[in-house]
Amino acid sequence: MERKTVRQVTQSKFKKTSPQERLYIKTISIRSISQLEDLKENLSGKEPIILIARIAPIVSRDPEAASKLVNELYPTNIKNSYSVFRLGEERFMVIPNSVQVEGILL
């Protein structure tokens, strides 16, 4: 039986990806509605991104602003093939439609 090192196993198990196939993850804490344009810019880039946003700071100050933020992000998400998922009361996640999501509780 041939023994492989961890590196050999890892290299054989995962295919190398080109820069065009990479998926990025970004976290952000949203404190005001003024951050909306920055969020839209992140989602309009060429590289696919998973965005995890903490909205507790804006919700605690202005619940209507948080609702407005999500409603205004919606057209950008549709246009750029993203989906939005709520992660409890304090966070939401925006992911490319090409990512398979399992275990969604409705």
C-alpha atoms as a PDB file:
ATOM      1  CA  MET A   1       0.000   0.000   0.000  1.00  0.00           C
ATOM      2  CA  GLU A   2       1.360   3.394  -1.025  1.00  0.00           C
ATOM      3  CA  ARG A   3       1.369   6.085   1.639  1.00  0.00           C
ATOM      4  CA  LYS A   4       0.529   9.609   0.546  1.00  0.00           C
ATOM      5  CA  THR A   5       1.330  12.803   2.347  1.00  0.00           C
ATOM      6  CA  VAL A   6      -1.430  15.228   3.261  1.00  0.00           C
ATOM      7  CA  ARG A   7      -0.278  17.538   0.492  1.00  0.00           C
ATOM      8  CA  GLN A   8      -0.529  14.796  -2.159  1.00  0.00           C
ATOM      9  CA  VAL A   9      -4.027  13.849  -1.019  1.00  0.00           C
ATOM     10  CA  THR A  10      -5.163  17.466  -0.996  1.00  0.00           C
ATOM     11  CA  GLN A  11      -3.727  18.147  -4.437  1.00  0.00           C
ATOM     12  CA  SER A  12      -5.365  15.081  -5.939  1.00  0.00           C
ATOM     13  CA  LYS A  13      -8.720  15.712  -4.255  1.00  0.00           C
ATOM     14  CA  PHE A  14      -9.289  19.325  -5.296  1.00  0.00           C
ATOM     15  CA  LYS A  15      -9.006  20.652  -8.792  1.00  0.00           C
ATOM     16  CA  LYS A  16      -7.044  23.835  -9.303  1.00  0.00           C
ATOM     17  CA  THR A  17      -9.166  26.797 -10.230  1.00  0.00           C
ATOM     18  CA  SER A  18      -8.393  29.667 -12.493  1.00  0.00           C
ATOM     19  CA  PRO A  19      -8.929  33.229 -11.252  1.00  0.00           C
ATOM     20  CA  GLN A  20     -12.198  33.340 -13.216  1.00  0.00           C
ATOM     21  CA  GLU A  21     -13.574  30.396 -11.211  1.00  0.00           C
ATOM     22  CA  ARG A  22     -12.731  31.711  -7.761  1.00  0.00           C
ATOM     23  CA  LEU A  23     -15.452  32.646  -5.333  1.00  0.00           C
ATOM     24  CA  TYR A  24     -14.817  35.344  -2.746  1.00  0.00           C
ATOM     25  CA  ILE A  25     -16.411  35.814   0.677  1.00  0.00           C
ATOM     26  CA  LYS A  26     -16.792  39.236   2.244  1.00  0.00           C
ATOM     27  CA  THR A  27     -18.314  40.277   5.555  1.00  0.00           C
ATOM     28  CA  ILE A  28     -19.581  43.744   6.309  1.00  0.00           C
ATOM     29  CA  SER A  29     -21.360  45.506   9.143  1.00  0.00           C
ATOM     30  CA  ILE A  30     -23.992  47.929   7.878  1.00  0.00           C
ATOM     31  CA  ARG A  31     -24.333  51.009  10.022  1.00  0.00           C
ATOM     32  CA  SER A  32     -26.169  53.362   7.665  1.00  0.00           C
ATOM     33  CA  ILE A  33     -28.101  53.477   4.416  1.00  0.00           C
ATOM     34  CA  SER A  34     -25.175  55.404   2.913  1.00  0.00           C
ATOM     35  CA  GLN A  35     -23.340  52.071   2.551  1.00  0.00           C
ATOM     36  CA  LEU A  36     -25.858  50.933  -0.072  1.00  0.00           C
ATOM     37  CA  GLU A  37     -23.774  52.052  -3.059  1.00  0.00           C
ATOM     38  CA  ASP A  38     -20.730  50.185  -1.722  1.00  0.00           C
ATOM     39  CA  LEU A  39     -22.830  47.025  -1.407  1.00  0.00           C
ATOM     40  CA  LYS A  40     -24.145  47.400  -4.958  1.00  0.00           C
ATOM     41  CA  GLU A  41     -20.606  47.915  -6.235  1.00  0.00           C
ATOM     42  CA  ASN A  42     -19.426  44.721  -4.521  1.00  0.00           C
ATOM     43  CA  LEU A  43     -22.229  42.748  -6.157  1.00  0.00           C
ATOM     44  CA  SER A  44     -21.668  44.276  -9.600  1.00  0.00           C
ATOM     45  CA  GLY A  45     -18.027  43.217  -9.873  1.00  0.00           C
ATOM     46  CA  LYS A  46     -16.695  40.608 -12.258  1.00  0.00           C
ATOM     47  CA  GLU A  47     -15.718  38.146  -9.527  1.00  0.00           C
ATOM     48  CA  PRO A  48     -18.544  36.250  -7.833  1.00  0.00           C
ATOM     49  CA  ILE A  49     -18.845  37.055  -4.150  1.00  0.00           C
ATOM     50  CA  ILE A  50     -20.643  35.726  -1.114  1.00  0.00           C
ATOM     51  CA  LEU A  51     -21.558  38.706   1.025  1.00  0.00           C
ATOM     52  CA  ILE A  52     -22.489  38.238   4.676  1.00  0.00           C
ATOM     53  CA  ALA A  53     -23.911  41.446   6.097  1.00  0.00           C
ATOM     54  CA  ARG A  54     -24.540  42.238   9.740  1.00  0.00           C
ATOM     55  CA  ILE A  55     -27.487  44.624   9.926  1.00  0.00           C
ATOM     56  CA  ALA A  56     -27.949  44.846  13.713  1.00  0.00           C
ATOM     57  CA  PRO A  57     -26.436  48.363  13.956  1.00  0.00           C
ATOM     58  CA  ILE A  58     -28.869  49.851  11.440  1.00  0.00           C
ATOM     59  CA  VAL A  59     -31.875  47.831  12.669  1.00  0.00           C
ATOM     60  CA  SER A  60     -31.411  49.021  16.246  1.00  0.00           C
ATOM     61  CA  ARG A  61     -31.395  52.667  15.148  1.00  0.00           C
ATOM     62  CA  ASP A  62     -33.870  52.646  12.267  1.00  0.00           C
ATOM     63  CA  PRO A  63     -35.787  49.471  11.349  1.00  0.00           C
ATOM     64  CA  GLU A  64     -37.283  51.180   8.294  1.00  0.00           C
ATOM     65  CA  ALA A  65     -33.798  51.955   6.932  1.00  0.00           C
ATOM     66  CA  ALA A  66     -32.885  48.268   7.116  1.00  0.00           C
ATOM     67  CA  SER A  67     -36.002  47.357   5.151  1.00  0.00           C
ATOM     68  CA  LYS A  68     -35.246  50.070   2.588  1.00  0.00           C
ATOM     69  CA  LEU A  69     -31.685  48.781   2.233  1.00  0.00           C
ATOM     70  CA  VAL A  70     -32.801  45.230   1.450  1.00  0.00           C
ATOM     71  CA  ASN A  71     -35.541  46.445  -0.933  1.00  0.00           C
ATOM     72  CA  GLU A  72     -33.090  48.623  -2.852  1.00  0.00           C
ATOM     73  CA  LEU A  73     -30.535  45.804  -3.101  1.00  0.00           C
ATOM     74  CA  TYR A  74     -33.115  43.474  -4.645  1.00  0.00           C
ATOM     75  CA  PRO A  75     -32.903  44.785  -8.270  1.00  0.00           C
ATOM     76  CA  THR A  76     -29.092  44.633  -8.127  1.00  0.00           C
ATOM     77  CA  ASN A  77     -29.286  41.041  -6.915  1.00  0.00           C
ATOM     78  CA  ILE A  78     -31.651  40.003  -9.718  1.00  0.00           C
ATOM     79  CA  LYS A  79     -29.633  41.809 -12.394  1.00  0.00           C
ATOM     80  CA  ASN A  80     -26.372  40.172 -11.278  1.00  0.00           C
ATOM     81  CA  SER A  81     -27.828  36.681 -10.597  1.00  0.00           C
ATOM     82  CA  TYR A  82     -27.641  36.709  -6.805  1.00  0.00           C
ATOM     83  CA  SER A  83     -30.014  35.407  -4.127  1.00  0.00           C
ATOM     84  CA  VAL A  84     -30.575  36.819  -0.638  1.00  0.00           C
ATOM     85  CA  PHE A  85     -30.973  34.677   2.462  1.00  0.00           C
ATOM     86  CA  ARG A  86     -31.768  35.837   5.947  1.00  0.00           C
ATOM     87  CA  LEU A  87     -29.519  34.541   8.727  1.00  0.00           C
ATOM     88  CA  GLY A  88     -31.558  35.224  11.842  1.00  0.00           C
ATOM     89  CA  GLU A  89     -32.555  38.701  12.914  1.00  0.00           C
ATOM     90  CA  GLU A  90     -29.150  40.323  12.592  1.00  0.00           C
ATOM     91  CA  ARG A  91     -27.649  39.131   9.301  1.00  0.00           C
ATOM     92  CA  PHE A  92     -28.352  38.381   5.686  1.00  0.00           C
ATOM     93  CA  MET A  93     -26.286  36.641   3.053  1.00  0.00           C
ATOM     94  CA  VAL A  94     -26.114  37.397  -0.659  1.00  0.00           C
ATOM     95  CA  ILE A  95     -24.823  34.563  -2.826  1.00  0.00           C
ATOM     96  CA  PRO A  96     -24.459  33.909  -6.553  1.00  0.00           C
ATOM     97  CA  ASN A  97     -27.201  31.732  -8.029  1.00  0.00           C
ATOM     98  CA  SER A  98     -24.471  29.315  -9.137  1.00  0.00           C
ATOM     99  CA  VAL A  99     -23.879  28.303  -5.484  1.00  0.00           C
ATOM    100  CA  GLN A 100     -25.992  25.414  -4.246  1.00  0.00           C
ATOM    101  CA  VAL A 101     -27.588  26.086  -0.860  1.00  0.00           C
ATOM    102  CA  GLU A 102     -28.850  23.262   1.323  1.00  0.00           C
ATOM    103  CA  GLY A 103     -30.701  23.180   4.600  1.00  0.00           C
ATOM    104  CA  ILE A 104     -32.845  26.282   4.139  1.00  0.00           C
ATOM    105  CA  LEU A 105     -35.506  26.616   6.821  1.00  0.00           C
ATOM    106  CA  LEU A 106     -38.557  28.589   5.788  1.00  0.00           C
END
